[in-house]
Amino acid sequence: MRWSELYVPTLRQDPADADAVSHRLLVRAGYIRQLMAGHYSLLPLAVRVRAKVVAIIREEMNRIGSQEMILPTMHPAEIWHKSGRWEVMGDEMFRLKDRKGSDLALGMTHEEIFTTLAHELSSYRDLPQTWYQFQTKFRDEPRPKSGLIRVREFTMKDSYSFDLDAEGLDRSFEAHRQAYVRIFQRLGIPAIAVQASSGTMGGSGSTEFMCPSAAGEDLVVHCPKCDYAANVEKATSRLAAIEDGAGLDAPERFDTPGIKTIENLTKAHGVPADRQIKTLVYMVGGQLTLALLRGDHALVEQKLIDTTGSTDVRPATPDEIKAALGAYPGSLGGVGVRDLPILADQALRGRRDMVTGANVDKVHVRGVDVERDIAVGTWADLREVVAGEPCPTCGTGLEVEQTVEIGHIFKLGYKYTEALGVNVLGADGERVTPIMGSYGIGVERAMAAVVETHHDKNGIVWPIAVAPFEVAVALLDVDDEKSRTTAEEIHTELLRQRVDTILDDRAERPGVKFKDIELVGIPFRVTVGARSLAEGNVEIVSRASGEKALVPVAEAVEYVRKLVLDAS
């Protein structure tokens, strides 16, 4: 491959609209171009990287016995209605009608479609099965951002396991977990495996693989001492016990004009936030619902969704709240509420002498005994964990890190096989419903995660396993016959030795070539110039370390080949 024939439209300045490091560098280095928000064209260098990422994932999926398929991206609505997800997916699903008026969807994911294929499994002898594909997914993200990290069209490796029982699913899940660990190690991504919510996917067990990145929108809570790690949507911690006073025999009202926040009440009346009850009001499945937390704690909305089992969840409007409770936000509480569902965070269990809103504007109540005075219907973990709180496993202060999700594996259970009527004949002659798992990796997002992790002020620093080329041979004096012949010979011999190499034969200044090779992120550079050749040498440079070496021409190919092998 010759650089003079390759389309690599590098830029000297950062694109103005690029926020994430990977977005900035992939555009600058000529890997991607935006067509519209959330849709990117992958240029030749990106296609080469993508192919290597796919190859690594494919090798590890094949290693655990998974079989590759390719399924359609356009799905009939009927199948999604059967699973109950046609409505659940909401506005993120792209929907359309064909010329006959039939409802169709562009696939966000393929649980329903793979499950449909499983109808042809007839006997317990056909199980277990694990199937996977690399396929385009479509999600109408409301705010696509950060280049390839949050898009509306992307490639996913999604795989699905079908087992006879829960023990079989455990084995399939663990096989995928280990495969994912190997995949991310090979890609050079420092992945953290964390406990996670299953969300709209359903199922019991869920593990996310997260890459630390300032561009991420997910927070991961992890312990620096033990192996506890969880998405903030799932994380918990060990809170210190609070000693409450005896309180009052019954709640007592007091006027609080101008008080609308936890902070206002603390400043004006000296009530610490951890002695207040925060009352949040949500519409859950069309039902007004109260969520109660300690005043210094924040609600994790996904925990509310997981607790209620409803995906139709939104904050209630002030008018909806006023109509139901008689007051506007700022004076709300659960005392005396009997006709609405009330969920309370576990940190409120057993608390006494608390303060909360009276459901009368500008009035609060003190002396509240939570379990005595509030009709809590459900106790649950609803709060957000913050840095420094004790680890639930070992008690060490937890750390919170911004991350990008790069993989997610689920124990789906029987949700889809039951909904779509899949069963096989068991060993005892009875019909058995297979149990499923689902396992995904975003291919282009993985590429972006590598760049988020491997870069410097000069550009991308690709790990050798996914670099578009392993070596660039930079021909400095294109009109010098000896230089040109030497560069051609090194290039040809490296290719013969199966080293992925590009020859930069452009009629450009050395500085331009060096900057482009660094920006693009090729791991090793062989510089062939008349001056060093006069002494019988070429210069070899490592992109990651910056180390340089003058090596005799006759030894250059073997020297580089060893560098590549050692870096692999």
Protein backbone atom coordinates (compact mmCIF):
# COMPACT_ATOMS: atom_id res chain seq x y z
CA MET A 1 0.00 0.00 0.00
CA ARG A 2 1.31 3.44 -0.98
CA TRP A 3 0.30 6.58 0.87
CA SER A 4 0.20 8.48 -2.42
CA GLU A 5 -2.69 6.21 -3.52
CA LEU A 6 -4.52 6.11 -0.17
CA TYR A 7 -7.33 8.50 0.74
CA VAL A 8 -6.29 10.01 4.08
CA PRO A 9 -7.71 13.56 4.34
CA THR A 10 -5.82 14.73 7.45
CA LEU A 11 -6.53 18.14 8.95
CA ARG A 12 -4.06 20.53 10.59
CA GLN A 13 -6.65 21.97 13.00
CA ASP A 14 -9.11 20.34 15.36
CA PRO A 15 -12.70 20.21 14.07
CA ALA A 16 -14.72 22.90 15.82
CA ASP A 17 -17.62 20.67 16.85
CA ALA A 18 -15.58 17.77 18.27
CA ASP A 19 -15.87 17.39 22.04
CA ALA A 20 -14.35 13.98 22.82
CA VAL A 21 -10.67 13.23 22.20
CA SER A 22 -11.56 10.29 19.96
CA HIS A 23 -13.95 12.42 17.91
CA ARG A 24 -11.33 15.13 17.42
CA LEU A 25 -8.52 12.78 16.47
CA LEU A 26 -10.51 10.41 14.25
CA VAL A 27 -11.71 13.40 12.21
CA ARG A 28 -8.31 15.12 12.15
CA ALA A 29 -6.49 11.94 11.18
CA GLY A 30 -8.83 11.23 8.26
CA TYR A 31 -10.66 8.21 9.69
CA ILE A 32 -14.25 9.45 9.75
CA ARG A 33 -16.52 12.13 8.31
CA GLN A 34 -19.97 13.10 9.57
CA LEU A 35 -22.90 12.86 7.19
CA MET A 36 -25.47 14.14 9.69
CA ALA A 37 -25.87 14.02 13.46
CA GLY A 38 -25.15 10.50 14.67
CA HIS A 39 -24.19 9.10 11.24
CA TYR A 40 -20.56 8.76 10.15
CA SER A 41 -18.77 7.55 7.04
CA LEU A 42 -15.80 5.31 7.80
CA LEU A 43 -12.89 6.16 5.49
CA PRO A 44 -10.19 3.68 4.39
CA LEU A 45 -8.07 3.88 7.54
CA ALA A 46 -11.13 3.38 9.76
CA VAL A 47 -12.23 0.40 7.68
CA ARG A 48 -8.84 -1.21 8.26
CA VAL A 49 -9.04 -0.65 12.03
CA ARG A 50 -12.64 -1.84 12.13
CA ALA A 51 -11.70 -5.03 10.27
CA LYS A 52 -9.03 -5.80 12.87
CA VAL A 53 -11.42 -5.12 15.76
CA VAL A 54 -13.99 -7.41 14.15
CA ALA A 55 -11.36 -10.10 13.57
CA ILE A 56 -10.38 -10.11 17.26
CA ILE A 57 -13.99 -10.31 18.40
CA ARG A 58 -14.74 -13.05 15.85
CA GLU A 59 -11.77 -15.14 16.99
CA GLU A 60 -12.86 -14.97 20.61
CA MET A 61 -16.49 -15.73 19.80
CA ASN A 62 -15.48 -18.73 17.70
CA ARG A 63 -13.20 -19.84 20.54
CA ILE A 64 -16.22 -20.31 22.84
CA GLY A 65 -18.13 -22.21 20.17
CA SER A 66 -20.40 -19.44 18.95
CA GLN A 67 -21.59 -19.61 15.32
CA GLU A 68 -21.78 -16.57 13.06
CA MET A 69 -24.93 -15.53 11.21
CA ILE A 70 -26.23 -12.39 9.51
CA LEU A 71 -29.83 -11.38 10.21
CA PRO A 72 -31.96 -8.65 8.60
CA THR A 73 -31.84 -5.10 9.91
CA MET A 74 -35.50 -4.44 9.03
CA HIS A 75 -38.03 -6.24 11.23
CA PRO A 76 -41.80 -6.75 11.10
CA ALA A 77 -43.62 -5.04 13.96
CA GLU A 78 -45.48 -8.26 14.74
CA ILE A 79 -42.47 -9.89 16.38
CA TRP A 80 -41.80 -6.84 18.56
CA HIS A 81 -45.47 -6.76 19.57
CA LYS A 82 -45.20 -10.39 20.69
CA SER A 83 -42.25 -9.61 22.96
CA GLY A 84 -44.02 -6.51 24.31
CA ARG A 85 -41.20 -4.19 23.27
CA TRP A 86 -42.85 -2.35 20.36
CA GLU A 87 -44.22 0.22 22.82
CA VAL A 88 -41.46 -0.09 25.43
CA MET A 89 -38.69 1.01 23.07
CA GLY A 90 -40.37 4.39 22.59
CA ASP A 91 -38.93 7.07 20.37
CA GLU A 92 -35.49 5.47 20.10
CA MET A 93 -36.85 2.90 17.64
CA PHE A 94 -36.91 3.94 13.98
CA ARG A 95 -40.31 2.89 12.61
CA LEU A 96 -41.65 2.94 9.06
CA LYS A 97 -44.33 1.45 6.84
CA ASP A 98 -43.83 -0.43 3.59
CA ARG A 99 -45.91 0.22 0.47
CA LYS A 100 -48.60 -2.15 1.74
CA GLY A 101 -48.95 -0.22 4.98
CA SER A 102 -47.28 -2.86 7.17
CA ASP A 103 -45.45 -1.56 10.25
CA LEU A 104 -41.70 -2.20 10.23
CA ALA A 105 -38.76 -1.26 12.43
CA LEU A 106 -35.06 -0.79 11.91
CA GLY A 107 -33.41 -3.14 14.36
CA MET A 108 -32.11 -1.62 17.59
CA THR A 109 -31.17 -5.11 18.75
CA HIS A 110 -31.98 -8.66 17.64
CA GLU A 111 -33.30 -10.67 20.59
CA GLU A 112 -36.67 -11.19 18.92
CA ILE A 113 -35.16 -12.15 15.56
CA PHE A 114 -32.69 -14.70 16.91
CA THR A 115 -35.44 -16.15 19.09
CA THR A 116 -37.60 -16.56 15.98
CA LEU A 117 -34.81 -18.65 14.42
CA ALA A 118 -34.78 -20.80 17.55
CA HIS A 119 -38.23 -22.18 16.65
CA GLU A 120 -36.41 -24.80 14.60
CA LEU A 121 -34.66 -26.18 17.67
CA SER A 122 -36.65 -29.33 18.39
CA SER A 123 -34.88 -31.38 21.06
CA TYR A 124 -32.77 -31.00 24.17
CA ARG A 125 -30.05 -32.61 22.08
CA ASP A 126 -29.94 -29.40 19.98
CA LEU A 127 -28.86 -27.39 23.02
CA PRO A 128 -26.83 -25.47 23.97
CA GLN A 129 -26.59 -23.11 21.03
CA THR A 130 -24.74 -19.79 20.81
CA TRP A 131 -25.19 -17.60 17.74
CA TYR A 132 -23.69 -14.22 16.88
CA GLN A 133 -23.51 -11.63 14.15
CA PHE A 134 -21.94 -8.31 13.19
CA GLN A 135 -24.83 -6.15 12.09
CA THR A 136 -25.88 -2.51 11.78
CA LYS A 137 -28.15 -1.21 14.53
CA PHE A 138 -30.29 1.91 14.47
CA ARG A 139 -31.21 3.96 17.53
CA ASP A 140 -32.77 7.40 17.32
CA GLU A 141 -30.60 8.93 20.02
CA PRO A 142 -32.04 12.27 21.15
CA ARG A 143 -28.55 13.75 21.58
CA PRO A 144 -25.92 12.00 19.47
CA LYS A 145 -22.48 13.25 20.51
CA SER A 146 -18.77 12.52 20.88
CA GLY A 147 -18.20 11.13 17.39
CA LEU A 148 -18.48 7.35 17.35
CA ILE A 149 -19.33 7.08 21.04
CA ARG A 150 -23.01 8.03 20.83
CA VAL A 151 -24.49 7.61 17.37
CA ARG A 152 -27.72 6.62 15.66
CA GLU A 153 -26.25 4.02 13.29
CA PHE A 154 -23.51 1.61 14.31
CA THR A 155 -22.20 -1.94 14.08
CA MET A 156 -22.77 -4.28 16.98
CA LYS A 157 -21.50 -7.75 17.64
CA ASP A 158 -24.50 -9.28 19.32
CA SER A 159 -24.61 -12.90 20.41
CA TYR A 160 -27.35 -15.01 21.96
CA SER A 161 -27.18 -18.22 23.95
CA PHE A 162 -29.92 -20.84 24.24
CA ASP A 163 -29.60 -23.34 27.09
CA LEU A 164 -31.74 -26.05 28.61
CA ASP A 165 -31.59 -24.72 32.17
CA ALA A 166 -30.22 -22.00 34.45
CA GLU A 167 -26.98 -23.89 35.04
CA GLY A 168 -26.39 -23.96 31.30
CA LEU A 169 -27.05 -20.21 31.10
CA ASP A 170 -24.54 -19.64 33.90
CA ARG A 171 -21.92 -21.49 31.84
CA SER A 172 -22.74 -19.52 28.68
CA PHE A 173 -22.69 -16.25 30.59
CA GLU A 174 -19.32 -17.02 32.15
CA ALA A 175 -17.89 -18.11 28.79
CA HIS A 176 -18.93 -14.77 27.31
CA ARG A 177 -17.59 -12.86 30.31
CA GLN A 178 -14.18 -14.46 29.90
CA ALA A 179 -14.28 -13.91 26.12
CA TYR A 180 -15.03 -10.22 26.68
CA VAL A 181 -12.14 -9.89 29.11
CA ARG A 182 -9.82 -11.36 26.46
CA ILE A 183 -11.30 -9.18 23.69
CA PHE A 184 -10.76 -5.94 25.56
CA GLN A 185 -7.27 -6.96 26.64
CA ARG A 186 -6.38 -7.66 23.01
CA LEU A 187 -7.90 -4.35 21.88
CA GLY A 188 -5.88 -2.48 24.51
CA ILE A 189 -8.97 -1.18 26.32
CA PRO A 190 -8.75 -1.01 30.15
CA ALA A 191 -12.24 -2.45 30.68
CA ILE A 192 -13.86 -2.54 34.11
CA ALA A 193 -16.52 -5.26 34.53
CA VAL A 194 -19.34 -3.86 36.65
CA GLN A 195 -22.74 -4.89 37.96
CA ALA A 196 -25.44 -3.20 35.92
CA SER A 197 -29.14 -2.74 35.35
CA SER A 198 -30.72 -4.84 32.61
CA GLY A 199 -33.03 -2.00 31.59
CA THR A 200 -35.37 -2.72 28.66
CA MET A 201 -33.46 -5.92 27.85
CA GLY A 202 -34.97 -7.73 30.81
CA GLY A 203 -33.47 -10.66 32.66
CA SER A 204 -31.80 -11.26 36.00
CA GLY A 205 -28.02 -10.91 35.64
CA SER A 206 -26.27 -8.05 33.89
CA THR A 207 -22.61 -7.06 33.59
CA GLU A 208 -21.30 -3.99 31.77
CA PHE A 209 -17.74 -3.50 30.56
CA MET A 210 -16.75 0.11 31.00
CA CYS A 211 -13.77 2.11 29.71
CA PRO A 212 -12.64 5.11 31.78
CA SER A 213 -13.03 8.25 29.66
CA ALA A 214 -13.85 11.92 30.16
CA ALA A 215 -16.21 11.56 27.18
CA GLY A 216 -18.30 8.94 28.95
CA GLU A 217 -21.83 9.50 30.18
CA ASP A 218 -21.85 6.59 32.66
CA LEU A 219 -20.51 6.71 36.19
CA VAL A 220 -18.88 3.61 37.62
CA VAL A 221 -18.50 3.06 41.33
CA HIS A 222 -15.60 0.80 42.24
CA CYS A 223 -13.51 -0.17 45.22
CA PRO A 224 -9.72 0.37 45.03
CA LYS A 225 -9.14 -2.50 47.47
CA CYS A 226 -11.50 -5.33 46.50
CA ASP A 227 -13.19 -6.30 43.24
CA TYR A 228 -16.51 -4.53 43.88
CA ALA A 229 -17.60 -2.46 40.86
CA ALA A 230 -21.02 -1.36 39.67
CA ASN A 231 -22.66 1.14 37.38
CA VAL A 232 -24.05 4.00 39.43
CA GLU A 233 -27.49 2.75 38.32
CA LYS A 234 -26.85 -0.42 40.32
CA ALA A 235 -24.24 0.59 42.91
CA THR A 236 -24.77 0.57 46.64
CA SER A 237 -22.62 1.32 49.66
CA ARG A 238 -22.42 0.69 53.39
CA LEU A 239 -23.78 3.78 55.15
CA ALA A 240 -22.87 4.65 58.71
CA ALA A 241 -25.74 4.30 61.18
CA ILE A 242 -27.33 7.55 62.40
CA GLU A 243 -28.56 7.79 66.01
CA ASP A 244 -31.93 9.53 66.15
CA GLY A 245 -33.56 11.08 69.16
CA ALA A 246 -36.90 9.89 70.51
CA GLY A 247 -38.71 12.51 68.48
CA LEU A 248 -42.32 13.51 69.06
CA ASP A 249 -45.39 11.46 69.79
CA ALA A 250 -46.88 12.74 66.55
CA PRO A 251 -45.66 14.92 63.67
CA GLU A 252 -45.88 18.66 64.36
CA ARG A 253 -46.42 21.30 61.70
CA PHE A 254 -44.38 24.50 61.48
CA ASP A 255 -44.45 27.36 58.98
CA THR A 256 -41.69 27.55 56.38
CA PRO A 257 -42.36 30.59 54.15
CA GLY A 258 -39.93 30.90 51.27
CA ILE A 259 -38.55 27.39 51.82
CA LYS A 260 -38.44 25.33 48.62
CA THR A 261 -35.25 23.24 48.84
CA ILE A 262 -33.35 21.01 51.23
CA GLU A 263 -30.65 23.68 51.47
CA ASN A 264 -33.19 26.42 52.28
CA LEU A 265 -34.55 24.39 55.20
CA THR A 266 -31.05 23.70 56.52
CA LYS A 267 -30.05 27.38 56.45
CA ALA A 268 -33.30 28.85 57.75
CA HIS A 269 -34.21 26.28 60.40
CA GLY A 270 -30.97 24.43 61.14
CA VAL A 271 -32.25 21.05 60.01
CA PRO A 272 -29.33 18.99 58.59
CA ALA A 273 -29.99 17.45 55.21
CA ASP A 274 -29.59 13.92 56.60
CA ARG A 275 -32.50 14.61 58.98
CA GLN A 276 -34.81 15.64 56.14
CA ILE A 277 -36.97 13.45 53.92
CA LYS A 278 -36.79 14.39 50.25
CA THR A 279 -40.08 13.72 48.44
CA LEU A 280 -39.97 13.24 44.67
CA VAL A 281 -43.13 12.65 42.68
CA TYR A 282 -43.15 10.58 39.48
CA MET A 283 -45.72 9.26 37.07
CA VAL A 284 -45.06 5.51 36.94
CA GLY A 285 -47.17 3.66 34.40
CA GLY A 286 -49.69 6.49 34.56
CA GLN A 287 -49.89 6.33 38.39
CA LEU A 288 -48.68 9.21 40.54
CA THR A 289 -46.01 7.74 42.83
CA LEU A 290 -43.93 9.14 45.69
CA ALA A 291 -40.22 8.32 46.01
CA LEU A 292 -38.70 9.21 49.38
CA LEU A 293 -34.98 9.64 50.09
CA ARG A 294 -32.79 11.15 52.74
CA GLY A 295 -32.37 14.85 52.10
CA ASP A 296 -28.68 14.58 51.24
CA HIS A 297 -29.21 11.72 48.78
CA ALA A 298 -30.04 11.83 45.07
CA LEU A 299 -32.43 9.51 43.25
CA VAL A 300 -31.15 7.20 40.52
CA GLU A 301 -34.06 7.08 38.11
CA GLN A 302 -33.00 3.70 36.70
CA LYS A 303 -33.29 2.21 40.19
CA LEU A 304 -36.87 3.51 40.32
CA ILE A 305 -37.54 1.90 36.95
CA ASP A 306 -36.00 -1.39 38.06
CA THR A 307 -37.92 -1.37 41.34
CA THR A 308 -41.31 -0.67 39.78
CA GLY A 309 -40.75 -2.75 36.65
CA SER A 310 -42.18 0.07 34.55
CA THR A 311 -40.36 1.85 31.75
CA ASP A 312 -43.11 4.46 31.53
CA VAL A 313 -41.54 6.71 34.15
CA ARG A 314 -41.29 10.49 34.20
CA PRO A 315 -41.29 13.30 36.79
CA ALA A 316 -44.79 14.50 37.53
CA THR A 317 -45.65 18.08 36.56
CA PRO A 318 -46.27 20.72 39.26
CA ASP A 319 -49.95 20.84 38.30
CA GLU A 320 -50.28 17.03 38.55
CA ILE A 321 -48.62 17.17 41.96
CA LYS A 322 -50.81 20.02 43.21
CA ALA A 323 -53.98 18.24 42.09
CA ALA A 324 -53.06 15.04 43.93
CA LEU A 325 -51.27 16.28 47.05
CA GLY A 326 -52.59 19.81 47.54
CA ALA A 327 -49.19 21.51 47.40
CA TYR A 328 -46.44 22.34 44.98
CA PRO A 329 -42.87 20.95 45.11
CA GLY A 330 -40.97 22.36 48.05
CA SER A 331 -43.64 21.46 50.62
CA LEU A 332 -44.26 17.80 49.80
CA GLY A 333 -44.15 14.75 52.04
CA GLY A 334 -45.52 11.26 52.60
CA VAL A 335 -47.13 11.83 55.99
CA GLY A 336 -50.85 11.12 55.78
CA VAL A 337 -50.75 9.99 52.15
CA ARG A 338 -52.80 6.80 51.85
CA ASP A 339 -54.09 6.62 48.29
CA LEU A 340 -50.83 6.80 46.34
CA PRO A 341 -47.95 4.30 46.06
CA ILE A 342 -44.97 5.27 48.22
CA LEU A 343 -41.45 3.93 47.71
CA ALA A 344 -38.76 4.73 50.24
CA ASP A 345 -35.00 4.33 50.12
CA GLN A 346 -33.49 1.83 52.54
CA ALA A 347 -31.50 4.62 54.22
CA LEU A 348 -34.79 5.89 55.70
CA ARG A 349 -35.72 2.59 57.32
CA GLY A 350 -36.00 2.99 61.09
CA ARG A 351 -35.37 6.75 61.05
CA ARG A 352 -37.13 8.97 63.63
CA ASP A 353 -37.39 12.68 64.42
CA MET A 354 -37.26 13.60 60.73
CA VAL A 355 -38.54 16.67 58.88
CA THR A 356 -40.52 16.69 55.64
CA GLY A 357 -43.10 18.70 53.73
CA ALA A 358 -46.68 18.85 55.05
CA ASN A 359 -48.40 18.82 51.63
CA VAL A 360 -49.47 22.37 52.43
CA ASP A 361 -47.62 25.17 50.69
CA LYS A 362 -45.07 26.89 52.96
CA VAL A 363 -45.52 24.32 55.75
CA HIS A 364 -43.36 21.40 56.96
CA VAL A 365 -43.68 18.81 59.71
CA ARG A 366 -41.09 17.77 62.31
CA GLY A 367 -40.82 14.75 64.57
CA VAL A 368 -41.61 12.27 61.78
CA ASP A 369 -41.07 8.57 62.53
CA VAL A 370 -40.84 7.16 59.02
CA GLU A 371 -42.26 3.72 59.67
CA ARG A 372 -44.90 5.03 62.09
CA ASP A 373 -46.12 8.04 60.13
CA ILE A 374 -45.65 7.14 56.46
CA ALA A 375 -47.40 4.26 54.67
CA VAL A 376 -44.37 2.99 52.76
CA GLY A 377 -45.45 0.35 50.27
CA THR A 378 -42.00 -0.62 48.99
CA TRP A 379 -38.55 -0.32 50.51
CA ALA A 380 -35.77 -0.29 47.92
CA ASP A 381 -32.28 0.93 47.12
CA LEU A 382 -33.05 4.16 45.26
CA ARG A 383 -30.15 6.47 46.07
CA GLU A 384 -27.03 7.43 44.16
CA VAL A 385 -23.72 6.35 45.66
CA VAL A 386 -21.07 9.07 45.91
CA ALA A 387 -17.30 8.90 46.18
CA GLY A 388 -15.92 8.16 49.61
CA GLU A 389 -18.86 6.11 50.89
CA PRO A 390 -17.81 2.72 52.33
CA CYS A 391 -17.63 -0.26 49.96
CA PRO A 392 -20.49 -2.70 50.67
CA THR A 393 -18.02 -5.58 50.52
CA CYS A 394 -14.95 -4.42 52.44
CA GLY A 395 -15.72 -0.94 53.80
CA THR A 396 -13.00 0.90 51.86
CA GLY A 397 -13.92 4.34 50.50
CA LEU A 398 -15.44 3.96 47.03
CA GLU A 399 -14.23 5.78 43.93
CA VAL A 400 -16.48 7.12 41.16
CA GLU A 401 -15.17 7.30 37.62
CA GLN A 402 -16.59 8.63 34.35
CA THR A 403 -16.74 5.88 31.73
CA VAL A 404 -17.97 4.75 28.33
CA GLU A 405 -19.89 1.49 28.06
CA ILE A 406 -18.11 -0.79 25.56
CA GLY A 407 -19.86 -4.10 26.21
CA HIS A 408 -22.90 -5.48 28.00
CA ILE A 409 -23.90 -9.05 28.77
CA PHE A 410 -27.32 -10.12 30.08
CA LYS A 411 -28.97 -13.19 31.50
CA LEU A 412 -32.25 -12.73 29.64
CA GLY A 413 -33.98 -15.74 31.16
CA TYR A 414 -37.23 -16.88 29.55
CA LYS A 415 -38.61 -13.48 28.51
CA TYR A 416 -38.27 -13.96 24.75
CA THR A 417 -38.57 -17.72 24.39
CA GLU A 418 -41.82 -17.66 26.37
CA ALA A 419 -43.23 -14.64 24.54
CA LEU A 420 -42.43 -16.12 21.13
CA GLY A 421 -43.39 -19.69 22.01
CA VAL A 422 -40.03 -21.45 21.65
CA ASN A 423 -39.71 -24.88 23.27
CA VAL A 424 -37.94 -28.19 22.75
CA LEU A 425 -38.60 -31.79 23.71
CA GLY A 426 -36.85 -32.58 26.98
CA ALA A 427 -35.09 -35.83 27.94
CA ASP A 428 -38.20 -36.90 29.85
CA GLY A 429 -40.49 -36.31 26.88
CA GLU A 430 -41.90 -33.05 28.28
CA ARG A 431 -41.69 -29.71 26.47
CA VAL A 432 -38.96 -27.42 27.83
CA THR A 433 -38.57 -23.67 27.23
CA PRO A 434 -34.92 -22.72 26.55
CA ILE A 435 -33.31 -20.02 28.65
CA MET A 436 -31.46 -17.19 26.92
CA GLY A 437 -28.50 -14.85 27.30
CA SER A 438 -27.64 -11.76 25.23
CA TYR A 439 -24.18 -10.29 24.75
CA GLY A 440 -23.22 -7.11 22.88
CA ILE A 441 -20.16 -5.09 21.85
CA GLY A 442 -20.33 -1.86 19.84
CA VAL A 443 -17.61 -2.14 17.19
CA GLU A 444 -17.13 1.53 16.30
CA ARG A 445 -17.50 2.56 19.94
CA ALA A 446 -14.72 0.10 20.78
CA MET A 447 -12.56 1.86 18.17
CA ALA A 448 -13.31 5.20 19.82
CA ALA A 449 -12.55 3.76 23.26
CA VAL A 450 -9.12 2.64 22.05
CA VAL A 451 -8.40 6.20 20.92
CA GLU A 452 -9.73 7.65 24.18
CA THR A 453 -7.19 5.46 25.96
CA HIS A 454 -4.25 5.61 23.52
CA HIS A 455 -3.32 9.10 22.34
CA ASP A 456 -0.92 11.95 23.01
CA LYS A 457 -0.52 15.57 21.94
CA ASN A 458 0.60 14.48 18.46
CA GLY A 459 -2.32 12.20 17.68
CA ILE A 460 -3.48 8.60 17.99
CA VAL A 461 -1.20 5.88 19.40
CA TRP A 462 -2.84 2.66 18.16
CA PRO A 463 -2.00 -0.63 19.87
CA ILE A 464 -0.35 -2.90 17.32
CA ALA A 465 -3.33 -5.29 17.24
CA VAL A 466 -5.73 -2.75 15.73
CA ALA A 467 -3.50 -0.20 13.99
CA PRO A 468 -4.43 0.44 10.35
CA PHE A 469 -0.81 -0.36 9.49
CA GLU A 470 1.85 -1.75 11.80
CA VAL A 471 4.71 0.03 10.06
CA ALA A 472 5.11 3.11 7.88
CA VAL A 473 8.17 3.34 5.65
CA ALA A 474 8.82 7.06 5.16
CA LEU A 475 10.72 7.79 1.96
CA LEU A 476 12.25 11.23 2.47
CA ASP A 477 14.08 11.79 -0.83
CA VAL A 478 11.64 10.62 -3.48
CA ASP A 479 13.96 11.72 -6.33
CA ASP A 480 16.98 9.87 -4.95
CA GLU A 481 17.20 6.49 -6.68
CA LYS A 482 19.05 4.75 -3.86
CA SER A 483 16.56 6.00 -1.27
CA ARG A 484 13.59 5.01 -3.41
CA THR A 485 14.98 1.54 -4.14
CA THR A 486 15.84 0.92 -0.48
CA ALA A 487 12.41 2.05 0.73
CA GLU A 488 10.68 -0.13 -1.87
CA GLU A 489 12.75 -3.17 -0.90
CA ILE A 490 12.10 -2.72 2.84
CA HIS A 491 8.39 -2.22 2.17
CA THR A 492 8.16 -5.30 -0.04
CA GLU A 493 10.12 -7.52 2.33
CA LEU A 494 8.08 -6.44 5.36
CA LEU A 495 4.91 -7.33 3.49
CA ARG A 496 6.44 -10.69 2.56
CA GLN A 497 7.16 -11.22 6.26
CA ARG A 498 3.44 -10.53 6.93
CA VAL A 499 4.07 -7.16 8.54
CA ASP A 500 1.23 -4.79 7.65
CA THR A 501 3.17 -1.93 6.05
CA ILE A 502 2.50 1.28 4.13
CA LEU A 503 5.06 3.16 2.03
CA ASP A 504 4.83 6.93 2.35
CA ASP A 505 6.06 7.86 -1.11
CA ARG A 506 4.45 11.29 -1.29
CA ALA A 507 6.39 14.27 -2.61
CA GLU A 508 6.04 16.06 0.71
CA ARG A 509 8.47 17.59 3.19
CA PRO A 510 9.79 15.18 5.87
CA GLY A 511 8.01 17.16 8.60
CA VAL A 512 4.65 16.71 6.89
CA LYS A 513 5.18 12.96 6.59
CA PHE A 514 6.31 12.59 10.18
CA LYS A 515 3.35 14.61 11.50
CA ASP A 516 0.86 12.59 9.43
CA ILE A 517 2.31 9.25 10.50
CA GLU A 518 2.17 10.35 14.16
CA LEU A 519 -1.35 11.77 13.82
CA VAL A 520 -2.65 8.60 12.13
CA GLY A 521 -1.02 6.58 14.89
CA ILE A 522 1.07 3.94 13.07
CA PRO A 523 3.11 2.09 15.74
CA PHE A 524 6.52 2.03 13.97
CA ARG A 525 8.21 4.25 11.39
CA VAL A 526 11.16 3.34 9.19
CA THR A 527 12.76 6.52 7.86
CA VAL A 528 14.73 6.13 4.65
CA GLY A 529 16.75 9.21 3.67
CA ALA A 530 19.85 9.91 1.63
CA ARG A 531 21.82 11.21 4.61
CA SER A 532 21.44 8.08 6.79
CA LEU A 533 21.78 5.81 3.77
CA ALA A 534 25.18 7.34 3.07
CA GLU A 535 26.26 5.66 6.30
CA GLY A 536 24.35 2.46 5.47
CA ASN A 537 21.55 3.02 7.98
CA VAL A 538 17.84 3.73 8.29
CA GLU A 539 16.12 5.26 11.32
CA ILE A 540 13.44 3.29 13.17
CA VAL A 541 11.07 5.11 15.53
CA SER A 542 8.51 3.76 18.00
CA ARG A 543 5.31 5.82 18.07
CA ALA A 544 4.42 4.92 21.65
CA SER A 545 7.79 5.46 23.33
CA GLY A 546 9.44 7.85 20.89
CA GLU A 547 12.58 5.71 20.99
CA LYS A 548 14.80 5.98 17.91
CA ALA A 549 17.45 3.65 16.57
CA LEU A 550 19.83 3.77 13.61
CA VAL A 551 19.87 0.28 12.12
CA PRO A 552 21.94 -1.06 9.18
CA VAL A 553 19.79 -1.46 6.07
CA ALA A 554 20.47 -5.19 5.90
CA GLU A 555 19.14 -5.67 9.45
CA ALA A 556 16.18 -3.29 9.25
CA VAL A 557 13.45 -5.76 8.24
CA GLU A 558 14.33 -8.29 10.95
CA TYR A 559 14.68 -5.49 13.52
CA VAL A 560 11.23 -4.13 12.69
CA ARG A 561 9.66 -7.58 12.50
CA LYS A 562 10.88 -8.29 16.03
CA LEU A 563 9.52 -4.96 17.29
CA VAL A 564 6.11 -5.82 15.85
CA LEU A 565 6.16 -9.33 17.34
CA ASP A 566 7.19 -8.02 20.75
CA ALA A 567 4.38 -5.44 20.66
CA SER A 568 1.73 -7.94 19.60
